[in-house]
Amino acid sequence: MTASAEFPVPERPDGWLSSDDIAQVRRSMPIVYVDAIPVRVDDSGDVIAVGLLLRVTREGVMSRALISGRVMYHERVRDALVRHIEKDLGPVALPQIPASPQPFTVAEYFPTPGVTAYHDPRQHAVSLAYVVPVLGDCLPQHDAIDLAWLTPEEACAEQVQVEMNGGQGVLLRQAMAHVGRL
């Protein structure tokens, strides 16, 4: 959504916590997230390509990443998926969210490495993970540097997996197994 003269975007949108508040919440309780694996499908619905973002981590390291982000207070999961997909792939990505969005898995990210395959040093996060077909033009947005469309086999190859952080490579492999491409 873009800002206009009639509807100015507030400095901090409703539902967003201040930096101090979110830091306090992250130290106190799990946060709900969505992870989205954008895919292209053929006419029969088979996954033919997987979109992976290229980002720079806080440590300055280039890495491949999935679309991921928090679900805001009073926001539907489907709306959070659309918001994060459009934030990372642009407003004309045209994500196809199913009528009844059911995650293919729930990923539990812990600040302590090794509790699960997923790690986030900032917090304990519970993420609902989805494979989402996108039909439109996708361009990297926000803090994404590039978007690469890879075949499922290429995306699950070891050389790509080692470029992914926090267990997202494991999540990608689970997604491809879920859609019958691993």
N, C-alpha and C. Protein backbone atom coordinates (compact mmCIF):
# COMPACT_ATOMS: atom_id res chain seq x y z
N MET A 1 0.85 -1.16 0.00
CA MET A 1 0.00 0.00 0.00
C MET A 1 0.90 1.23 0.00
N THR A 2 0.55 2.22 -0.75
CA THR A 2 1.36 3.43 -0.82
C THR A 2 0.68 4.56 -0.07
N ALA A 3 1.48 5.49 0.37
CA ALA A 3 0.95 6.65 1.09
C ALA A 3 0.36 7.62 0.08
N SER A 4 -0.65 8.36 0.49
CA SER A 4 -1.23 9.39 -0.37
C SER A 4 -1.50 10.62 0.48
N ALA A 5 -1.87 11.71 -0.19
CA ALA A 5 -2.12 12.96 0.53
C ALA A 5 -3.30 12.81 1.48
N GLU A 6 -4.30 11.99 1.07
CA GLU A 6 -5.50 11.83 1.90
C GLU A 6 -5.28 10.87 3.07
N PHE A 7 -4.38 9.91 2.89
CA PHE A 7 -4.17 8.88 3.88
C PHE A 7 -2.69 8.77 4.23
N PRO A 8 -2.16 9.70 5.03
CA PRO A 8 -0.74 9.62 5.36
C PRO A 8 -0.42 8.37 6.18
N VAL A 9 0.73 7.81 5.91
CA VAL A 9 1.18 6.64 6.66
C VAL A 9 1.78 7.13 7.97
N PRO A 10 1.30 6.59 9.11
CA PRO A 10 1.86 7.04 10.39
C PRO A 10 3.33 6.67 10.51
N GLU A 11 4.04 7.39 11.38
CA GLU A 11 5.46 7.11 11.58
C GLU A 11 5.69 5.68 12.00
N ARG A 12 4.86 5.17 12.88
CA ARG A 12 4.91 3.77 13.28
C ARG A 12 3.49 3.22 13.11
N PRO A 13 3.29 2.30 12.18
CA PRO A 13 1.94 1.79 11.92
C PRO A 13 1.31 1.18 13.17
N ASP A 14 -0.02 1.22 13.21
CA ASP A 14 -0.75 0.57 14.30
C ASP A 14 -0.30 -0.87 14.40
N GLY A 15 -0.12 -1.37 15.61
CA GLY A 15 0.29 -2.75 15.81
C GLY A 15 1.79 -2.93 15.94
N TRP A 16 2.58 -1.91 15.62
CA TRP A 16 4.04 -2.02 15.74
C TRP A 16 4.46 -1.55 17.12
N LEU A 17 5.39 -2.27 17.69
CA LEU A 17 5.96 -1.88 18.98
C LEU A 17 7.20 -1.04 18.75
N SER A 18 7.52 -0.23 19.74
CA SER A 18 8.77 0.53 19.66
C SER A 18 9.94 -0.45 19.75
N SER A 19 11.13 0.01 19.40
CA SER A 19 12.31 -0.86 19.46
C SER A 19 12.53 -1.41 20.86
N ASP A 20 12.35 -0.56 21.88
CA ASP A 20 12.51 -1.01 23.26
C ASP A 20 11.45 -2.03 23.65
N ASP A 21 10.21 -1.77 23.23
CA ASP A 21 9.12 -2.68 23.58
C ASP A 21 9.30 -4.05 22.93
N ILE A 22 9.68 -4.08 21.64
CA ILE A 22 9.86 -5.38 20.98
C ILE A 22 11.05 -6.13 21.58
N ALA A 23 12.08 -5.40 21.98
CA ALA A 23 13.22 -6.06 22.63
C ALA A 23 12.78 -6.71 23.94
N GLN A 24 11.94 -6.02 24.70
CA GLN A 24 11.44 -6.57 25.97
C GLN A 24 10.56 -7.80 25.71
N VAL A 25 9.67 -7.72 24.73
CA VAL A 25 8.80 -8.85 24.41
C VAL A 25 9.64 -10.04 23.95
N ARG A 26 10.65 -9.79 23.10
CA ARG A 26 11.50 -10.89 22.62
C ARG A 26 12.22 -11.59 23.75
N ARG A 27 12.51 -10.89 24.84
CA ARG A 27 13.17 -11.51 26.00
C ARG A 27 12.18 -12.27 26.87
N SER A 28 10.87 -12.06 26.63
CA SER A 28 9.86 -12.59 27.54
C SER A 28 9.00 -13.71 26.99
N MET A 29 8.78 -13.73 25.68
CA MET A 29 7.82 -14.69 25.14
C MET A 29 8.07 -14.95 23.66
N PRO A 30 7.55 -16.08 23.15
CA PRO A 30 7.69 -16.36 21.71
C PRO A 30 6.89 -15.34 20.89
N ILE A 31 7.38 -15.06 19.69
CA ILE A 31 6.72 -14.15 18.76
C ILE A 31 6.23 -14.99 17.57
N VAL A 32 5.04 -14.68 17.05
CA VAL A 32 4.50 -15.40 15.91
C VAL A 32 5.01 -14.77 14.61
N TYR A 33 5.51 -15.61 13.73
CA TYR A 33 6.03 -15.20 12.42
C TYR A 33 5.36 -16.02 11.33
N VAL A 34 5.57 -15.57 10.08
CA VAL A 34 5.26 -16.38 8.91
C VAL A 34 6.54 -16.49 8.10
N ASP A 35 6.76 -17.66 7.53
CA ASP A 35 7.83 -17.89 6.56
C ASP A 35 7.13 -18.23 5.26
N ALA A 36 7.56 -17.61 4.16
CA ALA A 36 6.96 -17.90 2.86
C ALA A 36 8.04 -18.31 1.88
N ILE A 37 7.79 -19.40 1.18
CA ILE A 37 8.68 -19.84 0.11
C ILE A 37 7.95 -19.51 -1.19
N PRO A 38 8.37 -18.44 -1.89
CA PRO A 38 7.70 -18.09 -3.14
C PRO A 38 8.09 -19.07 -4.24
N VAL A 39 7.10 -19.52 -5.00
CA VAL A 39 7.35 -20.48 -6.07
C VAL A 39 6.61 -20.06 -7.33
N ARG A 40 7.11 -20.57 -8.45
CA ARG A 40 6.41 -20.50 -9.73
C ARG A 40 5.92 -21.92 -10.00
N VAL A 41 4.70 -22.03 -10.52
CA VAL A 41 4.14 -23.34 -10.82
C VAL A 41 3.75 -23.41 -12.30
N ASP A 42 3.73 -24.62 -12.84
CA ASP A 42 3.30 -24.79 -14.23
C ASP A 42 1.78 -24.93 -14.27
N ASP A 43 1.24 -25.19 -15.44
CA ASP A 43 -0.21 -25.26 -15.62
C ASP A 43 -0.88 -26.36 -14.80
N SER A 44 -0.12 -27.39 -14.45
CA SER A 44 -0.69 -28.46 -13.64
C SER A 44 -0.48 -28.26 -12.14
N GLY A 45 0.14 -27.15 -11.76
CA GLY A 45 0.35 -26.84 -10.34
C GLY A 45 1.63 -27.36 -9.75
N ASP A 46 2.49 -27.97 -10.58
CA ASP A 46 3.78 -28.47 -10.09
C ASP A 46 4.75 -27.31 -9.94
N VAL A 47 5.52 -27.33 -8.85
CA VAL A 47 6.52 -26.29 -8.59
C VAL A 47 7.66 -26.46 -9.60
N ILE A 48 7.95 -25.38 -10.33
CA ILE A 48 9.04 -25.41 -11.31
C ILE A 48 10.20 -24.48 -10.94
N ALA A 49 9.94 -23.53 -10.03
CA ALA A 49 11.01 -22.61 -9.61
C ALA A 49 10.74 -22.11 -8.19
N VAL A 50 11.82 -21.85 -7.47
CA VAL A 50 11.77 -21.35 -6.11
C VAL A 50 12.51 -20.01 -6.08
N GLY A 51 11.88 -19.00 -5.47
CA GLY A 51 12.51 -17.69 -5.37
C GLY A 51 13.28 -17.55 -4.06
N LEU A 52 14.58 -17.28 -4.17
CA LEU A 52 15.41 -17.06 -2.98
C LEU A 52 15.98 -15.65 -3.02
N LEU A 53 15.87 -14.96 -1.90
CA LEU A 53 16.39 -13.61 -1.78
C LEU A 53 17.87 -13.65 -1.44
N LEU A 54 18.57 -12.63 -1.85
CA LEU A 54 19.96 -12.42 -1.43
C LEU A 54 19.94 -11.21 -0.50
N ARG A 55 20.43 -11.40 0.71
CA ARG A 55 20.45 -10.34 1.73
C ARG A 55 21.84 -10.25 2.34
N VAL A 56 22.09 -9.16 3.03
CA VAL A 56 23.30 -9.00 3.81
C VAL A 56 22.87 -9.12 5.28
N THR A 57 23.51 -10.03 6.03
CA THR A 57 23.18 -10.21 7.44
C THR A 57 23.69 -9.03 8.26
N ARG A 58 23.29 -8.97 9.51
CA ARG A 58 23.76 -7.92 10.43
C ARG A 58 25.28 -7.94 10.56
N GLU A 59 25.87 -9.12 10.33
CA GLU A 59 27.32 -9.27 10.43
C GLU A 59 28.02 -8.91 9.12
N GLY A 60 27.26 -8.52 8.09
CA GLY A 60 27.84 -8.14 6.81
C GLY A 60 28.10 -9.29 5.87
N VAL A 61 27.49 -10.45 6.11
CA VAL A 61 27.69 -11.63 5.28
C VAL A 61 26.51 -11.75 4.30
N MET A 62 26.82 -12.05 3.04
CA MET A 62 25.78 -12.29 2.04
C MET A 62 25.17 -13.66 2.29
N SER A 63 23.83 -13.73 2.24
CA SER A 63 23.18 -15.02 2.44
C SER A 63 21.90 -15.11 1.62
N ARG A 64 21.50 -16.33 1.31
CA ARG A 64 20.22 -16.59 0.66
C ARG A 64 19.17 -16.69 1.76
N ALA A 65 17.97 -16.20 1.46
CA ALA A 65 16.94 -16.17 2.49
C ALA A 65 15.55 -16.39 1.91
N LEU A 66 14.67 -16.85 2.78
CA LEU A 66 13.25 -16.96 2.49
C LEU A 66 12.58 -15.67 2.94
N ILE A 67 11.34 -15.51 2.58
CA ILE A 67 10.56 -14.37 3.06
C ILE A 67 10.09 -14.72 4.46
N SER A 68 10.28 -13.79 5.38
CA SER A 68 9.93 -14.06 6.77
C SER A 68 9.59 -12.75 7.47
N GLY A 69 8.66 -12.81 8.42
CA GLY A 69 8.35 -11.62 9.20
C GLY A 69 7.28 -11.87 10.23
N ARG A 70 7.16 -10.91 11.13
CA ARG A 70 6.20 -11.02 12.24
C ARG A 70 4.76 -10.86 11.77
N VAL A 71 3.87 -11.48 12.52
CA VAL A 71 2.45 -11.25 12.39
C VAL A 71 2.11 -10.16 13.42
N MET A 72 1.53 -9.08 12.94
CA MET A 72 1.20 -7.98 13.84
C MET A 72 -0.07 -8.27 14.63
N TYR A 73 -0.21 -7.57 15.73
CA TYR A 73 -1.41 -7.67 16.55
C TYR A 73 -2.63 -7.33 15.69
N HIS A 74 -3.64 -8.16 15.76
CA HIS A 74 -4.91 -7.97 15.06
C HIS A 74 -4.77 -8.09 13.55
N GLU A 75 -3.76 -8.84 13.09
CA GLU A 75 -3.55 -9.08 11.67
C GLU A 75 -3.79 -10.55 11.38
N ARG A 76 -4.54 -10.83 10.32
CA ARG A 76 -4.75 -12.21 9.91
C ARG A 76 -3.45 -12.76 9.32
N VAL A 77 -3.26 -14.07 9.46
CA VAL A 77 -2.07 -14.72 8.91
C VAL A 77 -1.98 -14.47 7.41
N ARG A 78 -3.08 -14.60 6.69
CA ARG A 78 -3.08 -14.39 5.25
C ARG A 78 -2.64 -12.97 4.91
N ASP A 79 -3.05 -11.98 5.71
CA ASP A 79 -2.65 -10.60 5.46
C ASP A 79 -1.17 -10.41 5.75
N ALA A 80 -0.66 -11.09 6.79
CA ALA A 80 0.77 -11.01 7.09
C ALA A 80 1.58 -11.62 5.94
N LEU A 81 1.13 -12.73 5.39
CA LEU A 81 1.81 -13.34 4.25
C LEU A 81 1.87 -12.38 3.06
N VAL A 82 0.74 -11.80 2.71
CA VAL A 82 0.70 -10.86 1.58
C VAL A 82 1.60 -9.67 1.86
N ARG A 83 1.54 -9.12 3.06
CA ARG A 83 2.34 -7.95 3.41
C ARG A 83 3.83 -8.24 3.26
N HIS A 84 4.29 -9.37 3.79
CA HIS A 84 5.72 -9.68 3.73
C HIS A 84 6.17 -10.06 2.31
N ILE A 85 5.32 -10.74 1.57
CA ILE A 85 5.66 -11.06 0.18
C ILE A 85 5.77 -9.78 -0.64
N GLU A 86 4.82 -8.88 -0.49
CA GLU A 86 4.88 -7.62 -1.23
C GLU A 86 6.04 -6.74 -0.78
N LYS A 87 6.37 -6.81 0.51
CA LYS A 87 7.51 -6.03 1.02
C LYS A 87 8.81 -6.50 0.37
N ASP A 88 8.97 -7.81 0.19
CA ASP A 88 10.22 -8.34 -0.34
C ASP A 88 10.23 -8.52 -1.86
N LEU A 89 9.06 -8.75 -2.48
CA LEU A 89 9.02 -9.02 -3.91
C LEU A 89 8.34 -7.92 -4.73
N GLY A 90 7.77 -6.93 -4.06
CA GLY A 90 7.13 -5.83 -4.76
C GLY A 90 5.62 -5.97 -4.79
N PRO A 91 4.94 -4.85 -5.10
CA PRO A 91 3.48 -4.82 -5.03
C PRO A 91 2.76 -5.58 -6.13
N VAL A 92 3.47 -6.01 -7.18
CA VAL A 92 2.81 -6.77 -8.25
C VAL A 92 3.30 -8.21 -8.31
N ALA A 93 3.72 -8.76 -7.17
CA ALA A 93 4.12 -10.17 -7.11
C ALA A 93 2.93 -11.09 -7.29
N LEU A 94 1.75 -10.62 -6.90
CA LEU A 94 0.50 -11.37 -7.02
C LEU A 94 0.56 -12.75 -6.35
N PRO A 95 0.78 -12.77 -5.02
CA PRO A 95 0.80 -14.06 -4.31
C PRO A 95 -0.58 -14.70 -4.32
N GLN A 96 -0.60 -16.02 -4.43
CA GLN A 96 -1.84 -16.79 -4.46
C GLN A 96 -2.01 -17.51 -3.12
N ILE A 97 -2.56 -16.79 -2.14
CA ILE A 97 -2.78 -17.36 -0.81
C ILE A 97 -4.01 -18.26 -0.90
N PRO A 98 -3.93 -19.52 -0.44
CA PRO A 98 -5.09 -20.41 -0.54
C PRO A 98 -6.28 -19.90 0.29
N ALA A 99 -7.47 -20.34 -0.08
CA ALA A 99 -8.69 -19.93 0.62
C ALA A 99 -8.62 -20.30 2.10
N SER A 100 -8.00 -21.44 2.41
CA SER A 100 -7.83 -21.87 3.79
C SER A 100 -6.34 -22.09 4.04
N PRO A 101 -5.64 -21.05 4.43
CA PRO A 101 -4.17 -21.18 4.56
C PRO A 101 -3.76 -22.08 5.71
N GLN A 102 -3.20 -23.22 5.34
CA GLN A 102 -2.67 -24.17 6.32
C GLN A 102 -1.16 -24.25 6.13
N PRO A 103 -0.38 -24.04 7.17
CA PRO A 103 1.08 -24.14 6.98
C PRO A 103 1.50 -25.57 6.70
N PHE A 104 2.59 -25.72 5.95
CA PHE A 104 3.10 -27.08 5.72
C PHE A 104 3.90 -27.55 6.92
N THR A 105 4.37 -26.61 7.75
CA THR A 105 5.02 -26.97 9.01
C THR A 105 5.03 -25.75 9.92
N VAL A 106 5.35 -26.00 11.18
CA VAL A 106 5.58 -24.94 12.16
C VAL A 106 7.04 -25.02 12.56
N ALA A 107 7.77 -23.95 12.31
CA ALA A 107 9.19 -23.91 12.64
C ALA A 107 9.37 -23.14 13.94
N GLU A 108 10.06 -23.76 14.90
CA GLU A 108 10.33 -23.10 16.18
C GLU A 108 11.79 -22.65 16.21
N TYR A 109 11.98 -21.33 16.13
CA TYR A 109 13.31 -20.74 16.18
C TYR A 109 13.63 -20.43 17.64
N PHE A 110 14.81 -20.89 18.09
CA PHE A 110 15.24 -20.64 19.47
C PHE A 110 16.50 -19.80 19.47
N PRO A 111 16.70 -19.00 20.53
CA PRO A 111 17.94 -18.23 20.64
C PRO A 111 19.14 -19.11 20.99
N THR A 112 18.87 -20.29 21.52
CA THR A 112 19.93 -21.24 21.87
C THR A 112 20.12 -22.21 20.71
N PRO A 113 21.32 -22.24 20.11
CA PRO A 113 21.54 -23.17 18.98
C PRO A 113 21.37 -24.62 19.41
N GLY A 114 20.81 -25.44 18.50
CA GLY A 114 20.74 -26.87 18.73
C GLY A 114 19.46 -27.37 19.36
N VAL A 115 18.58 -26.49 19.83
CA VAL A 115 17.31 -26.95 20.40
C VAL A 115 16.45 -27.55 19.29
N THR A 116 16.38 -26.85 18.16
CA THR A 116 15.74 -27.35 16.94
C THR A 116 16.70 -27.04 15.78
N ALA A 117 16.28 -27.36 14.59
CA ALA A 117 17.10 -27.04 13.41
C ALA A 117 17.09 -25.55 13.10
N TYR A 118 16.22 -24.80 13.77
CA TYR A 118 16.04 -23.37 13.49
C TYR A 118 16.62 -22.53 14.62
N HIS A 119 17.36 -21.49 14.24
CA HIS A 119 18.03 -20.66 15.23
C HIS A 119 17.86 -19.18 14.89
N ASP A 120 17.47 -18.38 15.88
CA ASP A 120 17.42 -16.93 15.76
C ASP A 120 18.00 -16.38 17.06
N PRO A 121 19.20 -15.81 17.01
CA PRO A 121 19.84 -15.36 18.25
C PRO A 121 19.07 -14.26 18.99
N ARG A 122 18.13 -13.61 18.32
CA ARG A 122 17.39 -12.50 18.93
C ARG A 122 16.24 -12.95 19.81
N GLN A 123 15.70 -14.16 19.54
CA GLN A 123 14.41 -14.46 20.14
C GLN A 123 14.00 -15.92 20.00
N HIS A 124 12.91 -16.24 20.70
CA HIS A 124 12.19 -17.49 20.50
C HIS A 124 11.01 -17.12 19.60
N ALA A 125 10.96 -17.67 18.39
CA ALA A 125 9.91 -17.36 17.44
C ALA A 125 9.24 -18.65 16.97
N VAL A 126 7.94 -18.58 16.81
CA VAL A 126 7.16 -19.69 16.27
C VAL A 126 6.66 -19.22 14.91
N SER A 127 7.08 -19.92 13.86
CA SER A 127 6.77 -19.48 12.51
C SER A 127 5.92 -20.49 11.77
N LEU A 128 4.84 -20.00 11.20
CA LEU A 128 3.98 -20.80 10.34
C LEU A 128 4.56 -20.71 8.94
N ALA A 129 4.87 -21.84 8.33
CA ALA A 129 5.58 -21.85 7.06
C ALA A 129 4.67 -22.26 5.90
N TYR A 130 4.77 -21.51 4.80
CA TYR A 130 3.89 -21.70 3.64
C TYR A 130 4.69 -21.73 2.36
N VAL A 131 4.22 -22.52 1.40
CA VAL A 131 4.69 -22.46 0.01
C VAL A 131 3.64 -21.62 -0.70
N VAL A 132 4.07 -20.51 -1.31
CA VAL A 132 3.12 -19.57 -1.92
C VAL A 132 3.45 -19.33 -3.39
N PRO A 133 2.58 -19.78 -4.30
CA PRO A 133 2.79 -19.44 -5.71
C PRO A 133 2.62 -17.94 -5.92
N VAL A 134 3.49 -17.37 -6.74
CA VAL A 134 3.38 -15.96 -7.12
C VAL A 134 3.27 -15.91 -8.65
N LEU A 135 2.37 -15.06 -9.14
CA LEU A 135 2.09 -15.01 -10.57
C LEU A 135 2.68 -13.78 -11.25
N GLY A 136 2.92 -12.72 -10.50
CA GLY A 136 3.30 -11.45 -11.10
C GLY A 136 4.79 -11.24 -11.24
N ASP A 137 5.12 -10.00 -11.58
CA ASP A 137 6.52 -9.59 -11.68
C ASP A 137 7.09 -9.41 -10.28
N CYS A 138 8.21 -10.04 -10.03
CA CYS A 138 8.84 -9.98 -8.72
C CYS A 138 10.19 -9.30 -8.83
N LEU A 139 10.39 -8.28 -8.03
CA LEU A 139 11.66 -7.57 -7.98
C LEU A 139 12.06 -7.45 -6.52
N PRO A 140 13.34 -7.68 -6.20
CA PRO A 140 13.76 -7.55 -4.79
C PRO A 140 13.48 -6.14 -4.28
N GLN A 141 12.94 -6.07 -3.09
CA GLN A 141 12.56 -4.81 -2.46
C GLN A 141 13.16 -4.75 -1.07
N HIS A 142 12.91 -3.65 -0.39
CA HIS A 142 13.27 -3.46 1.02
C HIS A 142 14.77 -3.70 1.20
N ASP A 143 15.17 -4.68 1.98
CA ASP A 143 16.60 -4.93 2.20
C ASP A 143 17.13 -6.10 1.39
N ALA A 144 16.33 -6.60 0.45
CA ALA A 144 16.79 -7.68 -0.43
C ALA A 144 17.59 -7.09 -1.58
N ILE A 145 18.74 -7.68 -1.85
CA ILE A 145 19.64 -7.20 -2.91
C ILE A 145 19.29 -7.82 -4.25
N ASP A 146 18.90 -9.09 -4.22
CA ASP A 146 18.63 -9.81 -5.46
C ASP A 146 17.59 -10.88 -5.19
N LEU A 147 16.98 -11.35 -6.26
CA LEU A 147 16.04 -12.46 -6.20
C LEU A 147 16.46 -13.44 -7.29
N ALA A 148 16.72 -14.68 -6.91
CA ALA A 148 17.10 -15.71 -7.88
C ALA A 148 16.01 -16.76 -7.93
N TRP A 149 15.61 -17.12 -9.16
CA TRP A 149 14.67 -18.21 -9.36
C TRP A 149 15.47 -19.44 -9.73
N LEU A 150 15.38 -20.45 -8.87
CA LEU A 150 16.12 -21.69 -9.05
C LEU A 150 15.14 -22.85 -9.17
N THR A 151 15.56 -23.91 -9.84
CA THR A 151 14.74 -25.11 -9.84
C THR A 151 14.73 -25.65 -8.41
N PRO A 152 13.74 -26.45 -8.04
CA PRO A 152 13.75 -27.03 -6.70
C PRO A 152 15.04 -27.81 -6.41
N GLU A 153 15.55 -28.51 -7.42
CA GLU A 153 16.78 -29.29 -7.23
C GLU A 153 17.98 -28.37 -6.98
N GLU A 154 18.07 -27.27 -7.73
CA GLU A 154 19.15 -26.30 -7.51
C GLU A 154 19.05 -25.67 -6.13
N ALA A 155 17.81 -25.30 -5.73
CA ALA A 155 17.60 -24.64 -4.43
C ALA A 155 17.97 -25.55 -3.26
N CYS A 156 17.78 -26.85 -3.44
CA CYS A 156 18.08 -27.80 -2.37
C CYS A 156 19.50 -28.35 -2.43
N ALA A 157 20.27 -27.91 -3.42
CA ALA A 157 21.66 -28.38 -3.55
C ALA A 157 22.51 -27.84 -2.40
N GLU A 158 23.53 -28.60 -2.05
CA GLU A 158 24.39 -28.25 -0.91
C GLU A 158 24.99 -26.86 -1.03
N GLN A 159 25.44 -26.45 -2.24
CA GLN A 159 26.09 -25.14 -2.38
C GLN A 159 25.13 -23.99 -2.09
N VAL A 160 23.83 -24.16 -2.31
CA VAL A 160 22.84 -23.14 -1.96
C VAL A 160 22.49 -23.24 -0.49
N GLN A 161 22.34 -24.45 0.01
CA GLN A 161 21.97 -24.67 1.42
C GLN A 161 22.96 -24.02 2.38
N VAL A 162 24.26 -24.08 2.06
CA VAL A 162 25.25 -23.48 2.97
C VAL A 162 25.20 -21.96 2.97
N GLU A 163 24.51 -21.36 1.99
CA GLU A 163 24.36 -19.90 1.93
C GLU A 163 23.18 -19.42 2.76
N MET A 164 22.43 -20.34 3.36
CA MET A 164 21.23 -19.98 4.12
C MET A 164 21.51 -20.08 5.62
N ASN A 165 20.93 -19.14 6.38
CA ASN A 165 21.19 -19.05 7.82
C ASN A 165 19.98 -19.47 8.65
N GLY A 166 20.25 -19.78 9.90
CA GLY A 166 19.20 -20.00 10.89
C GLY A 166 18.32 -21.20 10.67
N GLY A 167 18.70 -22.10 9.79
CA GLY A 167 17.88 -23.28 9.53
C GLY A 167 16.93 -23.10 8.35
N GLN A 168 17.03 -21.96 7.64
CA GLN A 168 16.12 -21.75 6.52
C GLN A 168 16.36 -22.76 5.39
N GLY A 169 17.57 -23.27 5.27
CA GLY A 169 17.83 -24.31 4.29
C GLY A 169 17.04 -25.58 4.60
N VAL A 170 16.96 -25.92 5.89
CA VAL A 170 16.16 -27.07 6.32
C VAL A 170 14.69 -26.83 5.99
N LEU A 171 14.22 -25.62 6.25
CA LEU A 171 12.83 -25.28 5.98
C LEU A 171 12.53 -25.36 4.48
N LEU A 172 13.46 -24.89 3.66
CA LEU A 172 13.30 -24.97 2.21
C LEU A 172 13.21 -26.43 1.75
N ARG A 173 14.06 -27.27 2.29
CA ARG A 173 14.03 -28.70 1.92
C ARG A 173 12.71 -29.34 2.35
N GLN A 174 12.21 -28.97 3.53
CA GLN A 174 10.91 -29.48 3.98
C GLN A 174 9.80 -29.03 3.04
N ALA A 175 9.87 -27.79 2.59
CA ALA A 175 8.86 -27.25 1.67
C ALA A 175 8.87 -28.03 0.36
N MET A 176 10.05 -28.28 -0.17
CA MET A 176 10.14 -29.00 -1.44
C MET A 176 9.70 -30.45 -1.27
N ALA A 177 9.95 -31.05 -0.13
CA ALA A 177 9.43 -32.41 0.14
C ALA A 177 7.91 -32.37 0.21
N HIS A 178 7.38 -31.32 0.84
CA HIS A 178 5.92 -31.18 0.99
C HIS A 178 5.22 -31.10 -0.36
N VAL A 179 5.85 -30.44 -1.34
CA VAL A 179 5.23 -30.30 -2.66
C VAL A 179 5.69 -31.39 -3.63
N GLY A 180 6.41 -32.39 -3.11
CA GLY A 180 6.82 -33.53 -3.92
C GLY A 180 7.99 -33.27 -4.86
N ARG A 181 8.85 -32.31 -4.50
CA ARG A 181 9.97 -31.97 -5.38
C ARG A 181 11.33 -32.27 -4.75
N LEU A 182 11.38 -33.10 -3.72
CA LEU A 182 12.66 -33.48 -3.12
C LEU A 182 12.77 -34.98 -3.08
